[in-house]
Structure formats: C-alpha cells, structure tokens
Protein backbone atom coordinates (compact mmCIF):
# COMPACT_ATOMS: atom_id res chain seq x y z
CA MET A 1 -53.23 -43.85 -10.42
CA GLU A 2 -54.04 -47.51 -10.23
CA THR A 3 -54.18 -48.14 -13.92
CA LEU A 4 -50.82 -46.67 -14.21
CA GLN A 5 -49.34 -49.24 -11.36
CA LYS A 6 -50.90 -52.24 -12.51
CA THR A 7 -49.75 -50.99 -16.40
CA ALA A 8 -46.19 -50.38 -15.02
CA LEU A 9 -45.90 -53.75 -13.12
CA ALA A 10 -47.66 -55.55 -16.27
CA ILE A 11 -44.49 -53.97 -18.21
CA THR A 12 -41.98 -54.74 -15.73
CA ILE A 13 -43.17 -58.69 -15.24
CA ILE A 14 -42.28 -58.43 -18.80
CA GLY A 15 -38.78 -57.20 -18.41
CA ALA A 16 -38.38 -59.56 -15.77
CA ILE A 17 -39.08 -62.66 -17.77
CA ASN A 18 -36.59 -61.01 -21.00
CA TRP A 19 -34.37 -61.19 -18.21
CA GLY A 20 -34.75 -65.12 -17.71
CA LEU A 21 -34.60 -65.91 -21.12
CA ILE A 22 -31.27 -63.82 -20.90
CA GLY A 23 -29.87 -65.52 -18.20
CA LEU A 24 -31.42 -69.25 -18.65
CA PHE A 25 -31.14 -68.91 -22.71
CA ASP A 26 -29.14 -66.17 -23.64
CA PHE A 27 -31.62 -64.93 -25.86
CA ASN A 28 -33.13 -61.62 -25.27
CA LEU A 29 -36.63 -61.33 -27.03
CA VAL A 30 -36.34 -57.24 -27.18
CA THR A 31 -33.48 -57.70 -29.31
CA ALA A 32 -34.92 -60.25 -31.56
CA LEU A 33 -37.79 -58.62 -32.12
CA PHE A 34 -36.33 -54.57 -32.23
CA GLY A 35 -32.63 -55.33 -32.94
CA ASP A 36 -30.29 -54.50 -31.35
CA GLU A 37 -28.70 -51.14 -30.72
CA THR A 38 -31.80 -49.80 -31.92
CA MET A 39 -33.61 -46.45 -30.74
CA MET A 40 -36.70 -48.83 -30.68
CA THR A 41 -34.76 -51.17 -28.26
CA ARG A 42 -33.25 -48.60 -26.10
CA ILE A 43 -37.21 -47.03 -25.59
CA ILE A 44 -38.04 -50.24 -24.55
CA TYR A 45 -34.93 -50.74 -21.73
CA ILE A 46 -35.54 -47.18 -21.05
CA LEU A 47 -39.31 -47.86 -20.62
CA VAL A 48 -38.97 -51.15 -18.46
CA GLY A 49 -36.34 -48.90 -16.45
CA ILE A 50 -39.17 -46.15 -15.73
CA THR A 51 -41.92 -49.03 -14.62
CA GLY A 52 -39.58 -50.24 -12.00
CA LEU A 53 -39.32 -47.46 -10.69
CA ILE A 54 -43.17 -46.90 -10.54
CA ASN A 55 -43.30 -50.22 -8.65
CA ILE A 56 -41.66 -49.17 -5.62
CA GLY A 57 -45.16 -47.06 -5.09
CA ILE A 58 -46.60 -50.54 -4.98
CA LEU A 59 -43.96 -51.90 -2.96
CA PHE A 60 -44.60 -49.22 0.12
CA LYS A 61 -48.57 -48.67 -0.68
CA HIS A 62 -49.57 -50.91 1.95
CA LEU A 63 -47.32 -49.39 4.94
CA ASP A 64 -50.08 -47.19 5.61
CA TYR A 65 -50.64 -48.22 9.70
CA ASP A 66 -53.57 -45.73 10.02
C-alpha cells in the first residue's frame, strides 16, 4: 500500500506542477505533450484525479491515536 501511495503522491505532484504552469504562464504541459482533447490527455487528467483521491488516505493516515 505504501508503494501505491508514494506513486499516487508523485503523480499528484506532477499534476500540481502542471496547474502551476497553467496559472503562472498559461501553459498546459499535458496538452503540449499529448495534444488537445485527445484520449491520452483525458487519461492523464483522470489518473491525476484518481491519485488525488488516493492521497486523501495519506491525509488521515497519521490520525490514529492508539
């Protein structure tokens, strides 16, 4: 499970960097690499969204008060 969470965190960080590029420079790295409105672009966006949901588990992981 730890490997999945680390992989998900890495993908989420890449997604966050992409959003930073969009906000700062109006440059979308995903569409620059894979094209606009392509299936691969949609898959990348879906993957980043899923990994964001997986990372919710990291947020609550250390709240175990045993």
